[in-house]
Amino acid sequence: MPASLSPSRWARARQHGDGRGRVEHLELATLSWVHRFNEERLHGHCGDLPPAELQVAFSSAQ
């Protein structure tokens, strides 16, 4: 057991395996946030449009 981990923290770390599940969960949560930020959130500065709609409106106006 590494000296930096107390016995209870070591036991919890072992219960979760090698950490891959937590890393995968974090990656999915990050991808979800990025998707929402880029595609769904309302952009108050640009008339409360989601960025995807704003991009379509911008490209069709040119």
N, C-alpha and C. Protein backbone atom coordinates (compact mmCIF):
# COMPACT_ATOMS: atom_id res chain seq x y z
N MET A 1 0.85 -1.17 0.00
CA MET A 1 0.00 0.00 0.00
C MET A 1 0.89 1.23 0.00
N PRO A 2 0.61 2.18 -0.92
CA PRO A 2 1.40 3.40 -0.93
C PRO A 2 1.24 4.18 0.36
N ALA A 3 2.30 4.85 0.76
CA ALA A 3 2.27 5.59 2.02
C ALA A 3 1.31 6.77 1.97
N SER A 4 1.02 7.29 0.79
CA SER A 4 0.15 8.46 0.69
C SER A 4 -1.33 8.14 0.87
N LEU A 5 -1.69 6.87 0.84
CA LEU A 5 -3.08 6.48 1.00
C LEU A 5 -3.32 5.84 2.37
N SER A 6 -4.34 6.30 3.04
CA SER A 6 -4.71 5.66 4.30
C SER A 6 -5.34 4.32 3.98
N PRO A 7 -5.44 3.40 4.95
CA PRO A 7 -6.04 2.09 4.67
C PRO A 7 -7.46 2.18 4.12
N SER A 8 -8.27 3.11 4.61
CA SER A 8 -9.64 3.20 4.11
C SER A 8 -9.66 3.72 2.67
N ARG A 9 -8.79 4.68 2.35
CA ARG A 9 -8.74 5.19 0.98
C ARG A 9 -8.21 4.12 0.03
N TRP A 10 -7.27 3.34 0.49
CA TRP A 10 -6.72 2.25 -0.31
C TRP A 10 -7.81 1.23 -0.61
N ALA A 11 -8.63 0.90 0.38
CA ALA A 11 -9.71 -0.06 0.19
C ALA A 11 -10.73 0.47 -0.82
N ARG A 12 -11.07 1.75 -0.72
CA ARG A 12 -12.01 2.33 -1.68
C ARG A 12 -11.42 2.33 -3.08
N ALA A 13 -10.16 2.63 -3.21
CA ALA A 13 -9.51 2.64 -4.53
C ALA A 13 -9.52 1.25 -5.13
N ARG A 14 -9.31 0.24 -4.31
CA ARG A 14 -9.32 -1.13 -4.81
C ARG A 14 -10.71 -1.57 -5.22
N GLN A 15 -11.75 -1.08 -4.54
CA GLN A 15 -13.12 -1.45 -4.91
C GLN A 15 -13.47 -0.96 -6.31
N HIS A 16 -12.91 0.14 -6.72
CA HIS A 16 -13.22 0.72 -8.01
C HIS A 16 -12.32 0.18 -9.12
N GLY A 17 -11.53 -0.78 -8.84
CA GLY A 17 -10.67 -1.36 -9.86
C GLY A 17 -9.51 -0.45 -10.20
N ASP A 18 -9.12 -0.49 -11.46
CA ASP A 18 -7.94 0.26 -11.88
C ASP A 18 -8.24 1.70 -12.26
N GLY A 19 -9.46 2.14 -12.12
CA GLY A 19 -9.80 3.52 -12.40
C GLY A 19 -10.34 3.76 -13.79
N ARG A 20 -10.34 2.75 -14.63
CA ARG A 20 -10.82 2.94 -16.00
C ARG A 20 -12.28 3.35 -16.05
N GLY A 21 -13.09 2.79 -15.17
CA GLY A 21 -14.51 3.15 -15.15
C GLY A 21 -14.71 4.61 -14.83
N ARG A 22 -13.92 5.10 -13.89
CA ARG A 22 -14.04 6.51 -13.52
C ARG A 22 -13.54 7.41 -14.64
N VAL A 23 -12.49 7.01 -15.32
CA VAL A 23 -11.96 7.80 -16.43
C VAL A 23 -12.96 7.82 -17.57
N GLU A 24 -13.56 6.67 -17.88
CA GLU A 24 -14.55 6.62 -18.94
C GLU A 24 -15.76 7.48 -18.59
N HIS A 25 -16.18 7.44 -17.33
CA HIS A 25 -17.30 8.26 -16.90
C HIS A 25 -16.96 9.74 -17.05
N LEU A 26 -15.77 10.12 -16.68
CA LEU A 26 -15.34 11.51 -16.81
C LEU A 26 -15.28 11.93 -18.28
N GLU A 27 -14.78 11.06 -19.14
CA GLU A 27 -14.71 11.38 -20.56
C GLU A 27 -16.11 11.58 -21.14
N LEU A 28 -17.06 10.70 -20.79
CA LEU A 28 -18.42 10.84 -21.29
C LEU A 28 -19.08 12.10 -20.77
N ALA A 29 -18.85 12.43 -19.50
CA ALA A 29 -19.42 13.64 -18.93
C ALA A 29 -18.84 14.87 -19.62
N THR A 30 -17.55 14.85 -19.92
CA THR A 30 -16.92 15.97 -20.61
C THR A 30 -17.45 16.12 -22.02
N LEU A 31 -17.58 15.01 -22.74
CA LEU A 31 -18.13 15.06 -24.09
C LEU A 31 -19.56 15.57 -24.10
N SER A 32 -20.34 15.16 -23.11
CA SER A 32 -21.72 15.62 -22.99
C SER A 32 -21.76 17.13 -22.77
N TRP A 33 -20.89 17.63 -21.89
CA TRP A 33 -20.84 19.07 -21.62
C TRP A 33 -20.43 19.84 -22.86
N VAL A 34 -19.42 19.37 -23.56
CA VAL A 34 -18.94 20.05 -24.77
C VAL A 34 -20.04 20.08 -25.83
N HIS A 35 -20.74 18.96 -25.99
CA HIS A 35 -21.83 18.92 -26.97
C HIS A 35 -22.91 19.93 -26.61
N ARG A 36 -23.31 19.96 -25.35
CA ARG A 36 -24.33 20.90 -24.92
C ARG A 36 -23.86 22.34 -25.11
N PHE A 37 -22.62 22.61 -24.76
CA PHE A 37 -22.07 23.95 -24.90
C PHE A 37 -22.04 24.39 -26.36
N ASN A 38 -21.67 23.49 -27.25
CA ASN A 38 -21.52 23.84 -28.66
C ASN A 38 -22.82 23.80 -29.45
N GLU A 39 -23.78 22.98 -29.03
CA GLU A 39 -24.96 22.75 -29.86
C GLU A 39 -26.27 23.23 -29.24
N GLU A 40 -26.41 23.21 -27.92
CA GLU A 40 -27.73 23.39 -27.33
C GLU A 40 -27.89 24.64 -26.48
N ARG A 41 -26.84 25.14 -25.88
CA ARG A 41 -26.99 26.26 -24.95
C ARG A 41 -27.46 27.50 -25.69
N LEU A 42 -28.19 28.34 -24.98
CA LEU A 42 -28.64 29.59 -25.58
C LEU A 42 -27.55 30.63 -25.42
N HIS A 43 -27.30 31.38 -26.46
CA HIS A 43 -26.25 32.39 -26.46
C HIS A 43 -26.93 33.75 -26.34
N GLY A 44 -26.94 34.32 -25.14
CA GLY A 44 -27.65 35.55 -24.88
C GLY A 44 -27.19 36.73 -25.71
N HIS A 45 -25.92 36.77 -26.06
CA HIS A 45 -25.38 37.89 -26.83
C HIS A 45 -25.91 37.89 -28.26
N CYS A 46 -26.33 36.74 -28.73
CA CYS A 46 -26.76 36.63 -30.13
C CYS A 46 -28.23 36.27 -30.26
N GLY A 47 -29.07 36.88 -29.44
CA GLY A 47 -30.51 36.70 -29.57
C GLY A 47 -31.03 35.40 -29.00
N ASP A 48 -30.38 34.86 -28.02
CA ASP A 48 -30.80 33.60 -27.37
C ASP A 48 -30.95 32.45 -28.35
N LEU A 49 -30.02 32.35 -29.27
CA LEU A 49 -29.99 31.23 -30.20
C LEU A 49 -28.90 30.25 -29.78
N PRO A 50 -29.15 28.96 -29.98
CA PRO A 50 -28.06 28.00 -29.77
C PRO A 50 -26.98 28.22 -30.83
N PRO A 51 -25.74 27.94 -30.53
CA PRO A 51 -24.66 28.17 -31.49
C PRO A 51 -24.87 27.47 -32.84
N ALA A 52 -25.45 26.26 -32.83
CA ALA A 52 -25.67 25.55 -34.10
C ALA A 52 -26.64 26.32 -34.98
N GLU A 53 -27.73 26.85 -34.40
CA GLU A 53 -28.68 27.63 -35.18
C GLU A 53 -28.08 28.95 -35.64
N LEU A 54 -27.29 29.57 -34.79
CA LEU A 54 -26.64 30.82 -35.15
C LEU A 54 -25.69 30.61 -36.33
N GLN A 55 -24.98 29.49 -36.34
CA GLN A 55 -24.07 29.21 -37.43
C GLN A 55 -24.82 28.99 -38.74
N VAL A 56 -25.96 28.29 -38.68
CA VAL A 56 -26.76 28.08 -39.87
C VAL A 56 -27.29 29.40 -40.39
N ALA A 57 -27.80 30.25 -39.49
CA ALA A 57 -28.32 31.54 -39.90
C ALA A 57 -27.22 32.42 -40.49
N PHE A 58 -26.05 32.37 -39.92
CA PHE A 58 -24.92 33.16 -40.42
C PHE A 58 -24.49 32.69 -41.80
N SER A 59 -24.38 31.39 -41.98
CA SER A 59 -23.91 30.86 -43.28
C SER A 59 -24.96 31.06 -44.36
N SER A 60 -26.26 31.03 -44.00
CA SER A 60 -27.28 31.25 -45.03
C SER A 60 -27.40 32.72 -45.41
N ALA A 61 -26.96 33.62 -44.52
CA ALA A 61 -27.03 35.06 -44.80
C ALA A 61 -25.90 35.51 -45.72
N GLN A 62 -24.88 34.71 -45.86
CA GLN A 62 -23.75 35.11 -46.71
C GLN A 62 -23.92 34.68 -48.12
